[in-house]
Structure formats: structure tokens, C-alpha cells
Amino acid sequence: MPQQVTEQLNQMLIAAAVSRAISTVAELGVANHIQQGTPESAPHLAHLTGAHERSLYRALRFLAAQNPQLPPERRAGLAPS
């Protein structure tokens, strides 16, 4: 498969995964429990939303990794667990 086709396919797959992760985090109501500039831990957010702790952590880290313009400490807004 040509390199350009492979790159386009990868971009499409990542876009679908980002869309699903955003949808899941929104359905859980995570944004309702985050205040601007106040990091929250994934375990705390999982407790507040009833989400599986490790799965929520992975979804948030995945979404944070999609915005490389932010410095690493601001990407997820997560406090250390």
C-alpha cells in the first residue's frame, strides 16, 4: 500500500477514535466536574462519574495526546493519582 494511502487511513482511524473518546467523556459528564485551572485525578473523576477508573484515565490521556501544542503538564488537566 502506498505511503500516502497508509497515512490517510491512519488519520481517518485516529479521527474516529478521537470522536468516540470525546463522545464517551461527554456522556459521562466529566466536564461538569472539572474547574478551569484545577487538575483532578482520574480516580476522583471516575468516582464522581461512575466510570471505570483505568478506562477513563486512558481516554483522557489519549485525548490529551491529540493536542501537542499544549505543554505536557496542561494536556490532560489530571493531577497525579
Protein backbone atom coordinates (compact mmCIF):
# COMPACT_ATOMS: atom_id res chain seq x y z
CA MET A 1 0.00 0.00 0.00
CA PRO A 2 1.46 3.43 -0.90
CA GLN A 3 2.68 5.59 1.99
CA GLN A 4 0.16 8.36 1.28
CA VAL A 5 -2.77 5.94 1.43
CA THR A 6 -1.46 4.47 4.68
CA GLU A 7 -1.17 7.94 6.23
CA GLN A 8 -4.70 8.87 5.15
CA LEU A 9 -6.07 5.66 6.61
CA ASN A 10 -4.23 6.29 9.89
CA GLN A 11 -5.64 9.82 10.07
CA MET A 12 -9.16 8.53 9.48
CA LEU A 13 -8.79 5.88 12.20
CA ILE A 14 -7.40 8.38 14.69
CA ALA A 15 -10.21 10.83 13.90
CA ALA A 16 -12.79 8.13 14.58
CA ALA A 17 -11.10 7.20 17.86
CA VAL A 18 -10.92 10.86 18.96
CA SER A 19 -14.58 11.32 18.12
CA ARG A 20 -15.57 8.28 20.17
CA ALA A 21 -13.40 9.29 23.12
CA ILE A 22 -14.88 12.81 23.16
CA SER A 23 -18.37 11.34 22.97
CA THR A 24 -17.69 8.96 25.86
CA VAL A 25 -16.15 11.62 28.09
CA ALA A 26 -19.08 13.94 27.32
CA GLU A 27 -21.66 11.23 28.03
CA LEU A 28 -20.02 10.61 31.40
CA GLY A 29 -20.27 14.32 32.24
CA VAL A 30 -16.59 14.66 33.05
CA ALA A 31 -16.58 18.36 32.12
CA ASN A 32 -19.15 19.03 34.84
CA HIS A 33 -16.57 18.02 37.45
CA ILE A 34 -13.54 19.93 36.14
CA GLN A 35 -12.90 23.55 37.05
CA GLN A 36 -10.67 25.74 34.90
CA GLY A 37 -7.08 25.51 36.08
CA THR A 38 -7.81 22.91 38.77
CA PRO A 39 -6.34 19.49 37.96
CA GLU A 40 -8.37 16.46 39.00
CA SER A 41 -7.12 12.91 39.35
CA ALA A 42 -8.56 10.20 37.14
CA PRO A 43 -9.62 8.14 40.19
CA HIS A 44 -11.55 11.12 41.57
CA LEU A 45 -13.24 11.84 38.24
CA ALA A 46 -14.05 8.15 37.84
CA HIS A 47 -15.66 8.12 41.28
CA LEU A 48 -17.70 11.24 40.52
CA THR A 49 -18.91 9.96 37.15
CA GLY A 50 -19.25 6.26 37.92
CA ALA A 51 -16.71 5.41 35.23
CA HIS A 52 -14.13 2.63 35.26
CA GLU A 53 -11.02 4.33 36.63
CA ARG A 54 -8.38 2.89 34.29
CA SER A 55 -10.57 3.28 31.20
CA LEU A 56 -11.32 6.91 31.99
CA TYR A 57 -7.63 7.58 32.60
CA ARG A 58 -6.74 6.09 29.21
CA ALA A 59 -9.44 8.05 27.40
CA LEU A 60 -8.31 11.33 28.97
CA ARG A 61 -4.64 10.66 28.23
CA PHE A 62 -5.50 9.72 24.65
CA LEU A 63 -7.41 12.97 24.17
CA ALA A 64 -4.64 14.98 25.82
CA ALA A 65 -2.09 13.46 23.45
CA GLN A 66 -4.08 14.75 20.48
CA ASN A 67 -3.24 18.38 21.38
CA PRO A 68 0.56 18.58 21.21
CA GLN A 69 0.55 22.40 21.24
CA LEU A 70 -0.12 22.36 24.98
CA PRO A 71 2.75 21.77 27.37
CA PRO A 72 2.67 18.24 28.85
CA GLU A 73 1.59 19.39 32.31
CA ARG A 74 -1.54 21.06 30.84
CA ARG A 75 -2.55 18.43 28.29
CA ALA A 76 -4.83 16.30 30.47
CA GLY A 77 -5.54 18.57 33.39
CA LEU A 78 -5.05 15.49 35.51
CA ALA A 79 -3.48 15.52 38.93
CA PRO A 80 -1.15 12.68 39.85
CA SER A 81 -3.08 9.61 41.01
